[in-house]
Structure formats: structure tokens, C-alpha cells
């Protein structure tokens, strides 16, 4: 399996998006009193994943 830089960025962006989704769902379903904090952290993970996806092919 060849891991070039574009594939690494793609896999990392996917993992970050999964972690962001998990944080948002964890806040909404399990820890209702901390849902805002979990959601903000999840959206931050989405922003980093989006930046990694935008960097794909440019570095």
C-alpha cells in the first residue's frame, strides 16, 4: 500500500471528520449539559478536516 501525501491528507481528513461527528453526537446524546462545548469542539474538528482536504494536492 503506497501512502503518498495526498492519500495521507485524505485519510487524516476522514478521521478528523469522524472524530468531529463523534464529539457532536456524544454531546447531543449522552452529555446534554455539555452539548454546547462538545458541539463547538466537533465543529473545530470539521474545520481542521476541511483545511486538510483543501491542502490536498497543493503541498
N, C-alpha and C. Protein backbone atom coordinates (compact mmCIF):
# COMPACT_ATOMS: atom_id res chain seq x y z
N UNK A 1 0.84 -1.17 0.00
CA UNK A 1 0.00 0.00 0.00
C UNK A 1 0.89 1.24 0.00
N UNK A 2 0.78 2.02 -1.02
CA UNK A 2 1.60 3.22 -1.15
C UNK A 2 0.88 4.41 -0.51
N UNK A 3 1.55 5.06 0.42
CA UNK A 3 0.97 6.23 1.07
C UNK A 3 1.69 7.48 0.58
N UNK A 4 1.12 8.11 -0.41
CA UNK A 4 1.67 9.39 -0.83
C UNK A 4 1.01 10.50 -0.01
N UNK A 5 1.44 11.73 -0.19
CA UNK A 5 0.95 12.81 0.66
C UNK A 5 -0.53 13.10 0.46
N UNK A 6 -1.06 12.92 -0.75
CA UNK A 6 -2.48 13.16 -0.97
C UNK A 6 -3.34 12.14 -0.24
N UNK A 7 -2.91 10.89 -0.24
CA UNK A 7 -3.66 9.85 0.45
C UNK A 7 -3.61 10.06 1.97
N UNK A 8 -2.48 10.50 2.47
CA UNK A 8 -2.37 10.78 3.90
C UNK A 8 -3.30 11.91 4.29
N UNK A 9 -3.36 12.97 3.49
CA UNK A 9 -4.28 14.08 3.77
C UNK A 9 -5.73 13.61 3.71
N UNK A 10 -6.06 12.74 2.76
CA UNK A 10 -7.42 12.24 2.62
C UNK A 10 -7.82 11.40 3.83
N UNK A 11 -6.95 10.50 4.26
CA UNK A 11 -7.26 9.64 5.40
C UNK A 11 -7.35 10.46 6.68
N UNK A 12 -6.45 11.41 6.85
CA UNK A 12 -6.47 12.25 8.04
C UNK A 12 -7.73 13.10 8.10
N UNK A 13 -8.14 13.67 6.97
CA UNK A 13 -9.37 14.47 6.94
C UNK A 13 -10.58 13.60 7.27
N UNK A 14 -10.60 12.37 6.79
CA UNK A 14 -11.71 11.47 7.09
C UNK A 14 -11.76 11.12 8.58
N UNK A 15 -10.61 10.84 9.17
CA UNK A 15 -10.56 10.51 10.60
C UNK A 15 -10.98 11.71 11.44
N UNK A 16 -10.53 12.91 11.07
CA UNK A 16 -10.93 14.10 11.81
C UNK A 16 -12.42 14.36 11.70
N UNK A 17 -13.00 14.11 10.52
CA UNK A 17 -14.44 14.28 10.36
C UNK A 17 -15.20 13.26 11.21
N UNK A 18 -14.70 12.03 11.29
CA UNK A 18 -15.34 11.03 12.15
C UNK A 18 -15.26 11.43 13.62
N UNK A 19 -14.12 11.94 14.05
CA UNK A 19 -13.99 12.39 15.43
C UNK A 19 -14.90 13.57 15.73
N UNK A 20 -15.02 14.49 14.78
CA UNK A 20 -15.93 15.62 14.96
C UNK A 20 -17.38 15.18 15.08
N UNK A 21 -17.77 14.23 14.23
CA UNK A 21 -19.13 13.69 14.31
C UNK A 21 -19.36 12.98 15.64
N UNK A 22 -18.37 12.22 16.09
CA UNK A 22 -18.49 11.51 17.37
C UNK A 22 -18.63 12.49 18.53
N UNK A 23 -17.87 13.57 18.50
CA UNK A 23 -17.97 14.56 19.57
C UNK A 23 -19.34 15.22 19.60
N UNK A 24 -19.85 15.58 18.43
CA UNK A 24 -21.16 16.22 18.38
C UNK A 24 -22.25 15.27 18.87
N UNK A 25 -22.21 14.03 18.40
CA UNK A 25 -23.22 13.06 18.83
C UNK A 25 -23.09 12.73 20.31
N UNK A 26 -21.88 12.66 20.81
CA UNK A 26 -21.68 12.39 22.24
C UNK A 26 -22.28 13.51 23.09
N UNK A 27 -22.09 14.73 22.65
CA UNK A 27 -22.67 15.86 23.38
C UNK A 27 -24.19 15.89 23.30
N UNK A 28 -24.73 15.54 22.15
CA UNK A 28 -26.19 15.59 22.00
C UNK A 28 -26.89 14.42 22.66
N UNK A 29 -26.28 13.26 22.67
CA UNK A 29 -26.97 12.07 23.15
C UNK A 29 -26.63 11.69 24.59
N UNK A 30 -25.41 11.89 25.03
CA UNK A 30 -25.03 11.41 26.36
C UNK A 30 -24.86 12.53 27.38
N UNK A 31 -24.11 13.57 27.04
CA UNK A 31 -23.83 14.65 27.98
C UNK A 31 -24.58 15.90 27.56
N UNK A 32 -25.87 15.95 27.86
CA UNK A 32 -26.72 17.06 27.41
C UNK A 32 -26.29 18.40 28.03
N UNK A 33 -25.79 18.39 29.26
CA UNK A 33 -25.43 19.65 29.92
C UNK A 33 -24.16 20.26 29.33
N UNK A 34 -23.38 19.47 28.63
CA UNK A 34 -22.15 19.96 27.99
C UNK A 34 -22.25 19.92 26.47
N UNK A 35 -23.44 19.93 25.94
CA UNK A 35 -23.65 19.77 24.49
C UNK A 35 -23.02 20.92 23.70
N UNK A 36 -23.06 22.13 24.23
CA UNK A 36 -22.51 23.27 23.51
C UNK A 36 -21.00 23.12 23.35
N UNK A 37 -20.33 22.76 24.42
CA UNK A 37 -18.88 22.59 24.35
C UNK A 37 -18.47 21.46 23.42
N UNK A 38 -19.17 20.34 23.50
CA UNK A 38 -18.88 19.23 22.61
C UNK A 38 -19.13 19.61 21.15
N UNK A 39 -20.21 20.36 20.91
CA UNK A 39 -20.53 20.77 19.54
C UNK A 39 -19.49 21.73 18.98
N UNK A 40 -19.04 22.65 19.81
CA UNK A 40 -18.00 23.59 19.35
C UNK A 40 -16.71 22.85 19.03
N UNK A 41 -16.34 21.90 19.87
CA UNK A 41 -15.14 21.11 19.60
C UNK A 41 -15.32 20.27 18.34
N UNK A 42 -16.50 19.70 18.13
CA UNK A 42 -16.77 18.92 16.93
C UNK A 42 -16.69 19.76 15.67
N UNK A 43 -17.23 20.97 15.72
CA UNK A 43 -17.15 21.87 14.57
C UNK A 43 -15.70 22.27 14.31
N UNK A 44 -14.91 22.40 15.36
CA UNK A 44 -13.47 22.67 15.19
C UNK A 44 -12.77 21.54 14.47
N UNK A 45 -13.14 20.30 14.81
CA UNK A 45 -12.57 19.16 14.10
C UNK A 45 -12.97 19.18 12.63
N UNK A 46 -14.23 19.56 12.36
CA UNK A 46 -14.67 19.68 10.97
C UNK A 46 -13.86 20.75 10.22
N UNK A 47 -13.55 21.87 10.89
CA UNK A 47 -12.79 22.93 10.25
C UNK A 47 -11.38 22.46 9.90
N UNK A 48 -10.76 21.73 10.81
CA UNK A 48 -9.41 21.22 10.53
C UNK A 48 -9.46 20.19 9.41
N UNK A 49 -10.48 19.33 9.40
CA UNK A 49 -10.63 18.34 8.33
C UNK A 49 -10.84 19.04 6.99
N UNK A 50 -11.61 20.12 6.97
CA UNK A 50 -11.83 20.86 5.74
C UNK A 50 -10.52 21.49 5.25
N UNK A 51 -9.72 22.02 6.18
CA UNK A 51 -8.45 22.63 5.80
C UNK A 51 -7.51 21.57 5.23
N UNK A 52 -7.47 20.37 5.84
CA UNK A 52 -6.63 19.30 5.31
C UNK A 52 -7.10 18.88 3.93
N UNK A 53 -8.42 18.84 3.74
CA UNK A 53 -8.95 18.47 2.43
C UNK A 53 -8.60 19.54 1.39
N UNK A 54 -8.61 20.79 1.79
CA UNK A 54 -8.25 21.87 0.86
C UNK A 54 -6.76 21.84 0.52
N UNK A 55 -5.93 21.38 1.44
CA UNK A 55 -4.49 21.31 1.18
C UNK A 55 -4.10 20.16 0.26
N UNK A 56 -4.99 19.20 0.12
CA UNK A 56 -4.69 18.01 -0.67
C UNK A 56 -4.34 18.43 -2.11
N UNK A 57 -3.20 18.03 -2.58
CA UNK A 57 -2.77 18.35 -3.94
C UNK A 57 -2.00 19.64 -4.07
N UNK A 58 -1.93 20.45 -3.01
CA UNK A 58 -1.24 21.73 -3.09
C UNK A 58 0.11 21.73 -2.39
N UNK A 59 0.32 20.75 -1.56
CA UNK A 59 1.60 20.69 -0.83
C UNK A 59 2.47 19.63 -1.45
